[in-house]
Amino acid sequence: MISTALIVRRRMQSSGKWTRVIEILKAFEEDCATPIAKLRQVADAMTVEMHAGLASEGGSKLKMLISYVDNFPSG
């Protein structure tokens, strides 16, 4: 059974519009990409906030609960 998405894709490819769709999607992907340095900055800031939240009540804007895992289920 052929899906609707596959039919639409085939029609777009045969009409020559597929190339334009791919161009738009690639441009969108590039515009939305987050640089690795920014991702690391966010991760570092979250780590600091998590440690602060676990260190004291109200020590962070992140709500943290100290919890422990006593054992892991086997099987």
PDB file of N, CA and C in Angstrom:
ATOM      1  N   MET A   1       0.839  -1.181   0.000  1.00  0.00           N
ATOM      2  CA  MET A   1       0.000   0.000   0.000  1.00  0.00           C
ATOM      3  C   MET A   1       0.885   1.246   0.000  1.00  0.00           C
ATOM      4  N   ILE A   2       0.628   2.170  -0.861  1.00  0.00           N
ATOM      5  CA  ILE A   2       1.402   3.396  -0.991  1.00  0.00           C
ATOM      6  C   ILE A   2       0.809   4.466  -0.076  1.00  0.00           C
ATOM      7  N   SER A   3       1.676   5.090   0.718  1.00  0.00           N
ATOM      8  CA  SER A   3       1.188   6.115   1.632  1.00  0.00           C
ATOM      9  C   SER A   3       0.941   7.429   0.895  1.00  0.00           C
ATOM     10  N   THR A   4       0.142   8.264   1.501  1.00  0.00           N
ATOM     11  CA  THR A   4      -0.170   9.578   0.930  1.00  0.00           C
ATOM     12  C   THR A   4       1.091  10.420   0.800  1.00  0.00           C
ATOM     13  N   ALA A   5       1.970  10.344   1.813  1.00  0.00           N
ATOM     14  CA  ALA A   5       3.211  11.125   1.775  1.00  0.00           C
ATOM     15  C   ALA A   5       4.065  10.721   0.586  1.00  0.00           C
ATOM     16  N   LEU A   6       4.117   9.433   0.295  1.00  0.00           N
ATOM     17  CA  LEU A   6       4.904   8.952  -0.839  1.00  0.00           C
ATOM     18  C   LEU A   6       4.315   9.448  -2.161  1.00  0.00           C
ATOM     19  N   ILE A   7       3.007   9.461  -2.271  1.00  0.00           N
ATOM     20  CA  ILE A   7       2.348   9.958  -3.488  1.00  0.00           C
ATOM     21  C   ILE A   7       2.657  11.439  -3.686  1.00  0.00           C
ATOM     22  N   VAL A   8       2.545  12.225  -2.606  1.00  0.00           N
ATOM     23  CA  VAL A   8       2.827  13.657  -2.695  1.00  0.00           C
ATOM     24  C   VAL A   8       4.288  13.869  -3.080  1.00  0.00           C
ATOM     25  N   ARG A   9       5.187  13.110  -2.468  1.00  0.00           N
ATOM     26  CA  ARG A   9       6.613  13.245  -2.797  1.00  0.00           C
ATOM     27  C   ARG A   9       6.868  12.945  -4.268  1.00  0.00           C
ATOM     28  N   ARG A  10       6.280  11.869  -4.763  1.00  0.00           N
ATOM     29  CA  ARG A  10       6.478  11.507  -6.171  1.00  0.00           C
ATOM     30  C   ARG A  10       5.948  12.597  -7.105  1.00  0.00           C
ATOM     31  N   ARG A  11       4.789  13.164  -6.773  1.00  0.00           N
ATOM     32  CA  ARG A  11       4.230  14.239  -7.607  1.00  0.00           C
ATOM     33  C   ARG A  11       5.136  15.465  -7.587  1.00  0.00           C
ATOM     34  N   MET A  12       5.667  15.801  -6.402  1.00  0.00           N
ATOM     35  CA  MET A  12       6.543  16.968  -6.306  1.00  0.00           C
ATOM     36  C   MET A  12       7.833  16.728  -7.082  1.00  0.00           C
ATOM     37  N   GLN A  13       8.375  15.518  -6.986  1.00  0.00           N
ATOM     38  CA  GLN A  13       9.599  15.210  -7.716  1.00  0.00           C
ATOM     39  C   GLN A  13       9.371  15.298  -9.215  1.00  0.00           C
ATOM     40  N   SER A  14       8.250  14.788  -9.660  1.00  0.00           N
ATOM     41  CA  SER A  14       7.980  14.799 -11.101  1.00  0.00           C
ATOM     42  C   SER A  14       7.671  16.208 -11.600  1.00  0.00           C
ATOM     43  N   SER A  15       7.198  17.095 -10.722  1.00  0.00           N
ATOM     44  CA  SER A  15       6.884  18.459 -11.157  1.00  0.00           C
ATOM     45  C   SER A  15       8.096  19.375 -11.088  1.00  0.00           C
ATOM     46  N   GLY A  16       9.206  18.884 -10.556  1.00  0.00           N
ATOM     47  CA  GLY A  16      10.411  19.703 -10.458  1.00  0.00           C
ATOM     48  C   GLY A  16      10.451  20.575  -9.216  1.00  0.00           C
ATOM     49  N   LYS A  17       9.466  20.477  -8.348  1.00  0.00           N
ATOM     50  CA  LYS A  17       9.424  21.296  -7.139  1.00  0.00           C
ATOM     51  C   LYS A  17      10.248  20.691  -6.000  1.00  0.00           C
ATOM     52  N   TRP A  18      10.624  19.427  -6.133  1.00  0.00           N
ATOM     53  CA  TRP A  18      11.333  18.752  -5.049  1.00  0.00           C
ATOM     54  C   TRP A  18      12.660  19.430  -4.719  1.00  0.00           C
ATOM     55  N   THR A  19      13.374  19.891  -5.736  1.00  0.00           N
ATOM     56  CA  THR A  19      14.650  20.562  -5.524  1.00  0.00           C
ATOM     57  C   THR A  19      14.468  21.807  -4.678  1.00  0.00           C
ATOM     58  N   ARG A  20      13.430  22.565  -4.948  1.00  0.00           N
ATOM     59  CA  ARG A  20      13.151  23.783  -4.178  1.00  0.00           C
ATOM     60  C   ARG A  20      12.794  23.441  -2.729  1.00  0.00           C
ATOM     61  N   VAL A  21      12.037  22.372  -2.537  1.00  0.00           N
ATOM     62  CA  VAL A  21      11.674  21.936  -1.188  1.00  0.00           C
ATOM     63  C   VAL A  21      12.935  21.598  -0.402  1.00  0.00           C
ATOM     64  N   ILE A  22      13.847  20.863  -1.008  1.00  0.00           N
ATOM     65  CA  ILE A  22      15.098  20.488  -0.348  1.00  0.00           C
ATOM     66  C   ILE A  22      15.919  21.735  -0.020  1.00  0.00           C
ATOM     67  N   GLU A  23      15.978  22.705  -0.928  1.00  0.00           N
ATOM     68  CA  GLU A  23      16.704  23.956  -0.675  1.00  0.00           C
ATOM     69  C   GLU A  23      16.129  24.689   0.541  1.00  0.00           C
ATOM     70  N   ILE A  24      14.819  24.761   0.609  1.00  0.00           N
ATOM     71  CA  ILE A  24      14.149  25.443   1.732  1.00  0.00           C
ATOM     72  C   ILE A  24      14.439  24.709   3.041  1.00  0.00           C
ATOM     73  N   LEU A  25      14.355  23.390   3.022  1.00  0.00           N
ATOM     74  CA  LEU A  25      14.610  22.613   4.228  1.00  0.00           C
ATOM     75  C   LEU A  25      16.054  22.748   4.698  1.00  0.00           C
ATOM     76  N   LYS A  26      17.003  22.752   3.775  1.00  0.00           N
ATOM     77  CA  LYS A  26      18.412  22.920   4.148  1.00  0.00           C
ATOM     78  C   LYS A  26      18.661  24.306   4.738  1.00  0.00           C
ATOM     79  N   ALA A  27      18.066  25.332   4.154  1.00  0.00           N
ATOM     80  CA  ALA A  27      18.216  26.691   4.679  1.00  0.00           C
ATOM     81  C   ALA A  27      17.612  26.789   6.074  1.00  0.00           C
ATOM     82  N   PHE A  28      16.464  26.175   6.269  1.00  0.00           N
ATOM     83  CA  PHE A  28      15.811  26.176   7.576  1.00  0.00           C
ATOM     84  C   PHE A  28      16.676  25.462   8.612  1.00  0.00           C
ATOM     85  N   GLU A  29      17.256  24.341   8.213  1.00  0.00           N
ATOM     86  CA  GLU A  29      18.121  23.574   9.110  1.00  0.00           C
ATOM     87  C   GLU A  29      19.338  24.406   9.526  1.00  0.00           C
ATOM     88  N   GLU A  30      19.951  25.096   8.575  1.00  0.00           N
ATOM     89  CA  GLU A  30      21.118  25.935   8.871  1.00  0.00           C
ATOM     90  C   GLU A  30      20.744  27.113   9.763  1.00  0.00           C
ATOM     91  N   ASP A  31      19.599  27.726   9.502  1.00  0.00           N
ATOM     92  CA  ASP A  31      19.165  28.877  10.300  1.00  0.00           C
ATOM     93  C   ASP A  31      18.839  28.484  11.742  1.00  0.00           C
ATOM     94  N   CYS A  32      18.405  27.264  11.938  1.00  0.00           N
ATOM     95  CA  CYS A  32      18.003  26.809  13.268  1.00  0.00           C
ATOM     96  C   CYS A  32      19.122  26.103  14.029  1.00  0.00           C
ATOM     97  N   ALA A  33      20.238  25.873  13.382  1.00  0.00           N
ATOM     98  CA  ALA A  33      21.333  25.145  14.022  1.00  0.00           C
ATOM     99  C   ALA A  33      21.909  25.956  15.184  1.00  0.00           C
ATOM    100  N   THR A  34      22.173  25.267  16.285  1.00  0.00           N
ATOM    101  CA  THR A  34      22.783  25.897  17.446  1.00  0.00           C
ATOM    102  C   THR A  34      24.255  25.519  17.468  1.00  0.00           C
ATOM    103  N   PRO A  35      25.135  26.515  17.522  1.00  0.00           N
ATOM    104  CA  PRO A  35      26.567  26.211  17.550  1.00  0.00           C
ATOM    105  C   PRO A  35      26.944  25.373  18.779  1.00  0.00           C
ATOM    106  N   ILE A  36      27.934  24.497  18.614  1.00  0.00           N
ATOM    107  CA  ILE A  36      28.383  23.617  19.693  1.00  0.00           C
ATOM    108  C   ILE A  36      28.807  24.430  20.914  1.00  0.00           C
ATOM    109  N   ALA A  37      29.471  25.542  20.719  1.00  0.00           N
ATOM    110  CA  ALA A  37      29.913  26.370  21.849  1.00  0.00           C
ATOM    111  C   ALA A  37      28.721  26.840  22.681  1.00  0.00           C
ATOM    112  N   LYS A  38      27.627  27.196  22.029  1.00  0.00           N
ATOM    113  CA  LYS A  38      26.431  27.645  22.745  1.00  0.00           C
ATOM    114  C   LYS A  38      25.795  26.480  23.508  1.00  0.00           C
ATOM    115  N   LEU A  39      25.766  25.287  22.900  1.00  0.00           N
ATOM    116  CA  LEU A  39      25.224  24.109  23.574  1.00  0.00           C
ATOM    117  C   LEU A  39      26.041  23.783  24.820  1.00  0.00           C
ATOM    118  N   ARG A  40      27.364  23.899  24.719  1.00  0.00           N
ATOM    119  CA  ARG A  40      28.219  23.647  25.884  1.00  0.00           C
ATOM    120  C   ARG A  40      27.966  24.678  26.975  1.00  0.00           C
ATOM    121  N   GLN A  41      27.774  25.926  26.579  1.00  0.00           N
ATOM    122  CA  GLN A  41      27.498  26.994  27.541  1.00  0.00           C
ATOM    123  C   GLN A  41      26.190  26.697  28.295  1.00  0.00           C
ATOM    124  N   VAL A  42      25.180  26.265  27.577  1.00  0.00           N
ATOM    125  CA  VAL A  42      23.894  25.924  28.199  1.00  0.00           C
ATOM    126  C   VAL A  42      24.069  24.737  29.144  1.00  0.00           C
ATOM    127  N   ALA A  43      24.786  23.710  28.700  1.00  0.00           N
ATOM    128  CA  ALA A  43      25.005  22.528  29.536  1.00  0.00           C
ATOM    129  C   ALA A  43      25.768  22.894  30.809  1.00  0.00           C
ATOM    130  N   ASP A  44      26.792  23.735  30.691  1.00  0.00           N
ATOM    131  CA  ASP A  44      27.566  24.168  31.861  1.00  0.00           C
ATOM    132  C   ASP A  44      26.695  24.953  32.833  1.00  0.00           C
ATOM    133  N   ALA A  45      25.865  25.843  32.309  1.00  0.00           N
ATOM    134  CA  ALA A  45      24.987  26.641  33.163  1.00  0.00           C
ATOM    135  C   ALA A  45      23.977  25.746  33.882  1.00  0.00           C
ATOM    136  N   MET A  46      23.458  24.738  33.192  1.00  0.00           N
ATOM    137  CA  MET A  46      22.513  23.816  33.825  1.00  0.00           C
ATOM    138  C   MET A  46      23.199  23.007  34.927  1.00  0.00           C
ATOM    139  N   THR A  47      24.445  22.594  34.692  1.00  0.00           N
ATOM    140  CA  THR A  47      25.188  21.841  35.694  1.00  0.00           C
ATOM    141  C   THR A  47      25.383  22.666  36.956  1.00  0.00           C
ATOM    142  N   VAL A  48      25.767  23.922  36.783  1.00  0.00           N
ATOM    143  CA  VAL A  48      25.949  24.822  37.922  1.00  0.00           C
ATOM    144  C   VAL A  48      24.641  24.967  38.691  1.00  0.00           C
ATOM    145  N   GLU A  49      23.541  25.189  37.978  1.00  0.00           N
ATOM    146  CA  GLU A  49      22.238  25.358  38.622  1.00  0.00           C
ATOM    147  C   GLU A  49      21.791  24.080  39.342  1.00  0.00           C
ATOM    148  N   MET A  50      22.057  22.924  38.759  1.00  0.00           N
ATOM    149  CA  MET A  50      21.672  21.674  39.410  1.00  0.00           C
ATOM    150  C   MET A  50      22.451  21.474  40.699  1.00  0.00           C
ATOM    151  N   HIS A  51      23.755  21.724  40.655  1.00  0.00           N
ATOM    152  CA  HIS A  51      24.562  21.588  41.871  1.00  0.00           C
ATOM    153  C   HIS A  51      24.096  22.573  42.940  1.00  0.00           C
ATOM    154  N   ALA A  52      23.799  23.790  42.539  1.00  0.00           N
ATOM    155  CA  ALA A  52      23.326  24.798  43.496  1.00  0.00           C
ATOM    156  C   ALA A  52      21.974  24.380  44.079  1.00  0.00           C
ATOM    157  N   GLY A  53      21.111  23.826  43.269  1.00  0.00           N
ATOM    158  CA  GLY A  53      19.804  23.390  43.732  1.00  0.00           C
ATOM    159  C   GLY A  53      19.877  22.227  44.698  1.00  0.00           C
ATOM    160  N   LEU A  54      20.867  21.343  44.495  1.00  0.00           N
ATOM    161  CA  LEU A  54      21.033  20.213  45.396  1.00  0.00           C
ATOM    162  C   LEU A  54      21.762  20.608  46.677  1.00  0.00           C
ATOM    163  N   ALA A  55      22.555  21.668  46.616  1.00  0.00           N
ATOM    164  CA  ALA A  55      23.360  22.087  47.761  1.00  0.00           C
ATOM    165  C   ALA A  55      22.513  22.703  48.869  1.00  0.00           C
ATOM    166  N   SER A  56      21.487  23.468  48.504  1.00  0.00           N
ATOM    167  CA  SER A  56      20.677  24.113  49.539  1.00  0.00           C
ATOM    168  C   SER A  56      19.276  24.396  49.016  1.00  0.00           C
ATOM    169  N   GLU A  57      18.360  24.468  49.940  1.00  0.00           N
ATOM    170  CA  GLU A  57      16.967  24.791  49.606  1.00  0.00           C
ATOM    171  C   GLU A  57      16.909  26.193  49.024  1.00  0.00           C
ATOM    172  N   GLY A  58      16.333  26.365  47.865  1.00  0.00           N
ATOM    173  CA  GLY A  58      16.224  27.674  47.232  1.00  0.00           C
ATOM    174  C   GLY A  58      17.526  28.179  46.645  1.00  0.00           C
ATOM    175  N   GLY A  59      18.510  27.290  46.491  1.00  0.00           N
ATOM    176  CA  GLY A  59      19.812  27.698  45.976  1.00  0.00           C
ATOM    177  C   GLY A  59      19.843  27.868  44.471  1.00  0.00           C
ATOM    178  N   SER A  60      18.744  27.524  43.802  1.00  0.00           N
ATOM    179  CA  SER A  60      18.706  27.580  42.347  1.00  0.00           C
ATOM    180  C   SER A  60      17.279  27.817  41.876  1.00  0.00           C
ATOM    181  N   LYS A  61      17.158  28.301  40.663  1.00  0.00           N
ATOM    182  CA  LYS A  61      15.834  28.442  40.049  1.00  0.00           C
ATOM    183  C   LYS A  61      15.288  27.078  39.629  1.00  0.00           C
ATOM    184  N   LEU A  62      16.181  26.107  39.452  1.00  0.00           N
ATOM    185  CA  LEU A  62      15.760  24.745  39.121  1.00  0.00           C
ATOM    186  C   LEU A  62      15.304  24.047  40.393  1.00  0.00           C
ATOM    187  N   LYS A  63      14.189  23.414  40.335  1.00  0.00           N
ATOM    188  CA  LYS A  63      13.682  22.660  41.476  1.00  0.00           C
ATOM    189  C   LYS A  63      14.348  21.290  41.469  1.00  0.00           C
ATOM    190  N   MET A  64      15.099  20.991  42.512  1.00  0.00           N
ATOM    191  CA  MET A  64      15.838  19.732  42.588  1.00  0.00           C
ATOM    192  C   MET A  64      15.404  18.958  43.818  1.00  0.00           C
ATOM    193  N   LEU A  65      15.269  17.662  43.663  1.00  0.00           N
ATOM    194  CA  LEU A  65      14.961  16.776  44.774  1.00  0.00           C
ATOM    195  C   LEU A  65      16.129  15.820  44.949  1.00  0.00           C
ATOM    196  N   ILE A  66      16.658  15.756  46.163  1.00  0.00           N
ATOM    197  CA  ILE A  66      17.721  14.792  46.428  1.00  0.00           C
ATOM    198  C   ILE A  66      17.060  13.430  46.531  1.00  0.00           C
ATOM    199  N   SER A  67      17.519  12.498  45.743  1.00  0.00           N
ATOM    200  CA  SER A  67      16.950  11.159  45.770  1.00  0.00           C
ATOM    201  C   SER A  67      18.063  10.147  45.542  1.00  0.00           C
ATOM    202  N   TYR A  68      17.827   8.950  45.992  1.00  0.00           N
ATOM    203  CA  TYR A  68      18.822   7.892  45.878  1.00  0.00           C
ATOM    204  C   TYR A  68      18.167   6.646  45.317  1.00  0.00           C
ATOM    205  N   VAL A  69      18.973   5.832  44.634  1.00  0.00           N
ATOM    206  CA  VAL A  69      18.527   4.543  44.157  1.00  0.00           C
ATOM    207  C   VAL A  69      19.197   3.510  45.054  1.00  0.00           C
ATOM    208  N   ASP A  70      18.381   2.748  45.804  1.00  0.00           N
ATOM    209  CA  ASP A  70      18.926   1.757  46.729  1.00  0.00           C
ATOM    210  C   ASP A  70      19.415   0.502  46.014  1.00  0.00           C
ATOM    211  N   ASN A  71      18.661   0.077  45.011  1.00  0.00           N
ATOM    212  CA  ASN A  71      19.086  -1.102  44.258  1.00  0.00           C
ATOM    213  C   ASN A  71      18.423  -1.078  42.886  1.00  0.00           C
ATOM    214  N   PHE A  72      18.981  -1.869  42.016  1.00  0.00           N
ATOM    215  CA  PHE A  72      18.430  -1.982  40.666  1.00  0.00           C
ATOM    216  C   PHE A  72      17.705  -3.309  40.549  1.00  0.00           C
ATOM    217  N   PRO A  73      16.543  -3.320  39.935  1.00  0.00           N
ATOM    218  CA  PRO A  73      15.851  -4.601  39.745  1.00  0.00           C
ATOM    219  C   PRO A  73      16.647  -5.509  38.810  1.00  0.00           C
ATOM    220  N   SER A  74      16.666  -6.753  39.092  1.00  0.00           N
ATOM    221  CA  SER A  74      17.359  -7.688  38.214  1.00  0.00           C
ATOM    222  C   SER A  74      16.332  -8.441  37.375  1.00  0.00           C
ATOM    223  N   GLY A  75      16.685  -8.569  36.123  1.00  0.00           N
ATOM    224  CA  GLY A  75      15.825  -9.381  35.275  1.00  0.00           C
ATOM    225  C   GLY A  75      15.002  -8.628  34.377  1.00  0.00           C
TER     226      GLY A  75
END
